[in-house]
Protein backbone atom coordinates (compact mmCIF):
# COMPACT_ATOMS: atom_id res chain seq x y z
CA MET A 1 0.00 0.00 0.00
CA CYS A 2 1.53 3.28 -1.05
CA LEU A 3 -1.17 5.79 -0.21
CA ILE A 4 -3.72 5.59 2.54
CA VAL A 5 -6.02 8.22 4.01
CA PHE A 6 -8.15 7.31 6.99
CA ALA A 7 -10.67 8.89 9.34
CA TRP A 8 -10.56 7.89 12.99
CA HIS A 9 -13.84 8.42 14.87
CA VAL A 10 -14.87 11.20 12.50
CA VAL A 11 -18.17 9.69 11.31
CA PRO A 12 -20.55 8.53 14.08
CA GLY A 13 -20.92 4.77 14.20
CA VAL A 14 -18.01 4.18 11.83
CA PRO A 15 -14.77 4.34 13.85
CA VAL A 16 -12.50 3.68 10.85
CA ILE A 17 -12.98 4.71 7.23
CA ALA A 18 -9.94 4.20 5.01
CA ALA A 19 -9.25 4.65 1.30
CA ALA A 20 -6.00 3.40 -0.17
CA ASN A 21 -4.00 2.54 -3.28
CA ARG A 22 -1.54 -0.30 -3.52
CA ASP A 23 1.37 0.46 -5.87
CA GLU A 24 3.59 -2.39 -7.01
CA PHE A 25 5.42 -3.84 -9.99
CA TYR A 26 2.92 -5.35 -12.40
CA ASP A 27 4.78 -8.65 -12.58
CA ARG A 28 4.64 -9.31 -8.82
CA PRO A 29 1.90 -11.93 -8.38
CA ALA A 30 -0.90 -11.31 -5.90
CA LEU A 31 -4.41 -12.46 -5.04
CA PRO A 32 -7.31 -10.02 -4.69
CA ALA A 33 -8.92 -9.33 -1.33
CA ALA A 34 -10.95 -12.30 -0.09
CA PRO A 35 -11.28 -14.50 3.02
CA TRP A 36 -8.12 -16.56 3.46
CA PRO A 37 -8.91 -20.30 3.18
CA GLU A 38 -6.80 -21.27 6.19
CA GLN A 39 -7.95 -18.26 8.24
CA PRO A 40 -11.43 -17.30 7.02
CA HIS A 41 -11.77 -14.53 9.60
CA VAL A 42 -9.08 -12.59 7.67
CA ILE A 43 -10.21 -10.66 4.59
CA ALA A 44 -7.26 -9.22 2.70
CA GLY A 45 -5.26 -9.33 -0.49
CA ARG A 46 -2.23 -11.59 -0.56
CA ASP A 47 1.23 -11.14 -2.00
CA LEU A 48 2.13 -14.47 -3.58
CA ARG A 49 5.86 -13.77 -3.48
CA GLY A 50 6.22 -12.82 0.18
CA GLY A 51 3.04 -14.40 1.52
CA GLY A 52 1.90 -11.30 3.39
CA SER A 53 -0.58 -8.52 2.72
CA TRP A 54 -0.78 -4.76 2.44
CA MET A 55 -4.24 -4.08 3.87
CA GLY A 56 -7.11 -6.02 5.35
CA VAL A 57 -9.56 -6.66 8.15
CA SER A 58 -10.12 -9.42 10.66
CA LEU A 59 -13.66 -10.30 11.69
CA THR A 60 -12.59 -11.22 15.21
CA GLY A 61 -10.88 -9.43 18.07
CA ALA A 62 -11.32 -8.62 21.75
CA ASN A 63 -12.88 -5.26 20.84
CA GLY A 64 -14.50 -6.38 17.60
CA PRO A 65 -13.14 -6.45 14.04
CA ARG A 66 -9.57 -5.34 13.47
CA PHE A 67 -7.86 -3.40 10.70
CA ALA A 68 -4.28 -3.17 9.43
CA ALA A 69 -2.56 -1.43 6.53
CA LEU A 70 1.04 -0.99 5.45
CA THR A 71 3.07 1.40 3.32
CA ASN A 72 6.78 1.16 2.56
CA ILE A 73 9.09 4.08 3.26
CA ARG A 74 10.97 5.16 0.15
CA SER A 75 14.65 5.34 1.03
CA PRO A 76 16.77 3.52 -1.56
CA SER A 77 20.03 4.17 0.25
CA GLU A 78 18.83 2.29 3.35
CA ARG A 79 17.34 -0.73 1.58
CA GLN A 80 18.45 -4.13 2.86
CA LEU A 81 18.21 -6.79 0.15
CA ASP A 82 18.00 -9.65 2.66
CA ALA A 83 15.27 -8.14 4.87
CA PRO A 84 12.04 -10.16 5.30
CA SER A 85 8.84 -9.11 3.53
CA ARG A 86 7.04 -6.28 5.30
CA GLY A 87 3.69 -7.74 4.27
CA ALA A 88 4.01 -10.21 7.13
CA LEU A 89 3.39 -7.33 9.53
CA VAL A 90 -0.21 -6.98 8.31
CA ALA A 91 -0.82 -10.71 7.91
CA ASP A 92 0.46 -11.67 11.36
CA PHE A 93 -1.60 -9.03 13.15
CA LEU A 94 -4.83 -9.90 11.37
CA ALA A 95 -4.37 -13.65 11.74
CA GLY A 96 -3.37 -13.49 15.41
CA ASP A 97 -5.02 -12.27 18.58
CA ILE A 98 -2.25 -10.17 20.15
CA ASP A 99 -3.27 -6.71 21.34
CA ALA A 100 -2.21 -3.88 19.00
CA ALA A 101 -0.12 -2.13 21.66
CA ASP A 102 1.74 -5.35 22.50
CA TYR A 103 2.23 -6.10 18.81
CA ILE A 104 3.83 -2.69 18.28
CA ALA A 105 6.01 -3.08 21.37
CA ALA A 106 7.41 -6.30 19.92
CA LEU A 107 8.14 -4.60 16.60
CA ALA A 108 9.76 -1.62 18.32
CA ALA A 109 12.23 -3.97 20.01
CA GLN A 110 13.69 -4.88 16.59
CA PRO A 111 13.33 -1.78 14.38
CA ASP A 112 16.10 -2.74 11.98
CA ARG A 113 14.77 -6.18 11.07
CA TYR A 114 12.67 -4.79 8.19
CA ASN A 115 13.17 -2.12 5.62
CA GLY A 116 11.36 1.12 6.39
CA TYR A 117 7.60 0.92 6.81
CA ASN A 118 4.47 2.54 8.19
CA LEU A 119 1.91 0.33 9.89
CA VAL A 120 -1.62 1.38 10.84
CA LEU A 121 -3.46 -1.11 13.00
CA GLY A 122 -6.12 -1.44 15.64
CA ASP A 123 -9.85 -1.80 16.13
CA GLY A 124 -12.83 0.38 16.94
CA GLU A 125 -11.44 1.27 20.36
CA ALA A 126 -7.81 2.13 19.62
CA LEU A 127 -5.89 2.83 16.43
CA TYR A 128 -2.12 3.16 16.16
CA TRP A 129 0.50 4.28 13.69
CA TYR A 130 3.94 2.75 14.02
CA SER A 131 6.99 3.28 11.83
CA ASN A 132 10.44 1.80 12.34
CA ARG A 133 11.76 5.10 10.94
CA GLY A 134 9.52 7.42 12.97
CA GLN A 135 11.25 7.47 16.34
CA GLN A 136 11.29 11.28 16.46
CA ASP A 137 7.50 11.60 16.11
CA PRO A 138 5.69 11.55 19.49
CA ARG A 139 2.67 9.88 17.86
CA ASN A 140 4.73 6.86 16.85
CA GLY A 141 3.39 3.76 18.54
CA GLN A 142 0.84 5.73 20.58
CA PRO A 143 -2.98 5.72 20.27
CA LEU A 144 -3.98 8.18 17.57
CA GLU A 145 -6.11 11.20 18.42
CA ARG A 146 -9.78 10.70 17.64
CA GLY A 147 -11.80 12.98 15.39
CA ARG A 148 -9.04 13.44 12.83
CA ILE A 149 -8.15 12.48 9.27
CA TYR A 150 -4.66 11.13 8.62
CA GLY A 151 -2.67 10.39 5.49
CA ILE A 152 0.41 8.34 4.65
CA SER A 153 2.30 7.67 1.45
CA ASN A 154 5.93 6.53 1.38
CA GLY A 155 7.06 9.04 3.99
CA LEU A 156 6.00 9.30 7.63
CA LEU A 157 2.51 10.00 8.94
CA ASP A 158 1.03 13.22 7.46
CA ALA A 159 4.25 14.09 5.63
CA PRO A 160 3.21 17.06 3.42
CA TRP A 161 3.67 15.34 0.08
CA PRO A 162 1.38 16.81 -2.61
CA LYS A 163 -0.69 13.67 -3.10
CA VAL A 164 -1.14 13.20 0.64
CA LEU A 165 -2.35 16.77 1.12
CA ARG A 166 -4.63 16.65 -1.92
CA THR A 167 -6.17 13.29 -1.04
CA LYS A 168 -6.73 14.18 2.61
CA ALA A 169 -8.60 17.33 1.55
CA GLN A 170 -10.74 15.44 -0.96
CA PHE A 171 -11.37 12.66 1.52
CA ALA A 172 -12.57 15.15 4.15
CA SER A 173 -14.92 16.73 1.63
CA LEU A 174 -16.40 13.36 0.65
CA LEU A 175 -16.95 12.43 4.29
CA CYS A 176 -18.73 15.72 4.95
CA GLN A 177 -20.96 15.17 1.93
CA GLY A 178 -21.81 11.59 2.84
CA ALA A 179 -20.61 10.73 -0.66
CA PRO A 180 -21.26 7.32 -2.23
CA GLU A 181 -18.52 4.72 -2.42
CA ASP A 182 -17.85 5.37 -6.10
CA ALA A 183 -16.69 8.89 -5.21
CA TYR A 184 -13.87 7.47 -3.09
CA PHE A 185 -12.70 5.28 -5.93
CA GLU A 186 -12.83 8.27 -8.26
CA MET A 187 -10.59 10.15 -5.81
CA LEU A 188 -8.13 7.25 -5.82
CA ALA A 189 -8.04 7.21 -9.65
CA ASP A 190 -6.47 10.69 -9.95
CA THR A 191 -3.41 10.48 -12.24
CA THR A 192 -2.44 14.17 -11.95
CA ARG A 193 1.27 14.62 -11.27
CA ALA A 194 2.62 17.22 -8.86
CA PRO A 195 4.64 20.24 -10.05
CA ASP A 196 8.40 19.77 -9.75
CA LEU A 197 8.73 22.49 -7.13
CA ARG A 198 6.48 20.54 -4.76
CA LEU A 199 8.05 17.12 -5.16
CA PRO A 200 9.67 15.49 -2.13
CA GLU A 201 13.28 14.35 -2.40
CA THR A 202 13.36 10.66 -1.55
CA GLY A 203 16.56 9.53 -3.25
CA VAL A 204 15.16 8.51 -6.64
CA PRO A 205 15.75 10.30 -9.98
CA LEU A 206 13.56 13.33 -10.75
CA GLU A 207 11.62 11.57 -13.52
CA VAL A 208 10.80 8.73 -11.13
CA GLU A 209 9.79 11.22 -8.44
CA ARG A 210 7.41 12.82 -10.96
CA MET A 211 5.89 9.47 -11.89
CA LEU A 212 5.37 8.52 -8.25
CA SER A 213 3.77 11.85 -7.33
CA SER A 214 0.28 11.03 -8.62
CA VAL A 215 -2.40 9.45 -6.47
CA CYS A 216 -2.90 6.73 -9.09
CA ILE A 217 0.45 5.79 -10.62
CA GLU A 218 0.88 4.70 -14.23
CA SER A 219 4.12 3.57 -15.89
CA ALA A 220 5.36 0.75 -18.09
CA GLU A 221 6.40 -1.60 -15.29
CA TYR A 222 5.10 -0.17 -12.02
CA GLY A 223 1.89 1.42 -10.88
CA THR A 224 -1.29 1.33 -8.85
CA ARG A 225 -2.57 -2.26 -8.78
CA THR A 226 -5.63 -2.00 -6.53
CA SER A 227 -7.78 0.62 -4.82
CA THR A 228 -9.53 -0.26 -1.57
CA VAL A 229 -12.14 1.28 0.72
CA VAL A 230 -12.55 -0.13 4.24
CA LYS A 231 -15.13 0.68 6.90
CA LEU A 232 -15.15 -0.60 10.47
CA TYR A 233 -18.58 -0.15 12.02
CA ARG A 234 -19.40 0.00 15.69
CA ASN A 235 -22.39 -2.35 15.46
CA ALA A 236 -22.00 -4.21 12.18
CA ALA A 237 -19.52 -6.35 10.27
CA PRO A 238 -16.69 -4.47 8.56
CA GLU A 239 -16.74 -3.76 4.84
CA LEU A 240 -13.80 -4.06 2.48
CA HIS A 241 -14.34 -3.16 -1.16
CA GLU A 242 -11.51 -3.49 -3.65
CA ARG A 243 -11.15 -2.61 -7.30
CA VAL A 244 -8.36 -3.80 -9.54
CA VAL A 245 -6.73 -1.04 -11.57
CA VAL A 246 -6.03 -1.74 -15.24
CA PRO A 247 -3.35 0.58 -16.73
CA GLY A 248 -4.88 3.01 -19.20
CA GLU A 249 -8.40 2.23 -18.00
CA GLN A 250 -10.38 2.81 -14.83
CA PHE A 251 -11.18 -0.29 -12.81
CA VAL A 252 -12.13 -3.91 -13.07
CA VAL A 253 -14.69 -4.43 -10.30
């Protein structure tokens, strides 16, 4: 997952509303979001190379259904080629029953095991952001403040990247309007690139930085593979709706 915006206790009765795009190389095999045969309480996509996931929900938990999502931190100079797949961080939380705070504490004890990542996880009672590169942010690993909208791409939480700022603003507007689900997918389909003067510097060439600056990424080998909208309700089963992105087109439902 390379862009996620989420509302935490903003809409009454819906503690978590999240909209996200997963960006990946087109040749990396994956399964679409569905209940996992060996763990049917987990509903998530699955990376067939690493075995993990990037976003999903679990139907069970001490405080009701649980949610987890992951983005990678873009830092080519720090990349470890032998590090384990970060997708396991989502899969293990959703499949297990460990409390979110304890799960984060275990991860914080070994921050260098994985390449850089952001992890959002929790349930209707507590939601956390943890990054193994976010030690200087006081929110890291702590319960997030309720009544707010957050955004993450391949930097830290709420880093002011153009697509994070733009999508958070659009997301807030859609929530205020009570917009239909299709409007969220339309937001996630935006291929507009940011002006050069507003691009972050993440250690990749300028042309790559331009390509990666759009909400929905399109290129010959890499781009947005799926768009997902998740809702965790207070008194109902969670919803996860995913659409597969076809380059040059809109979606395959």
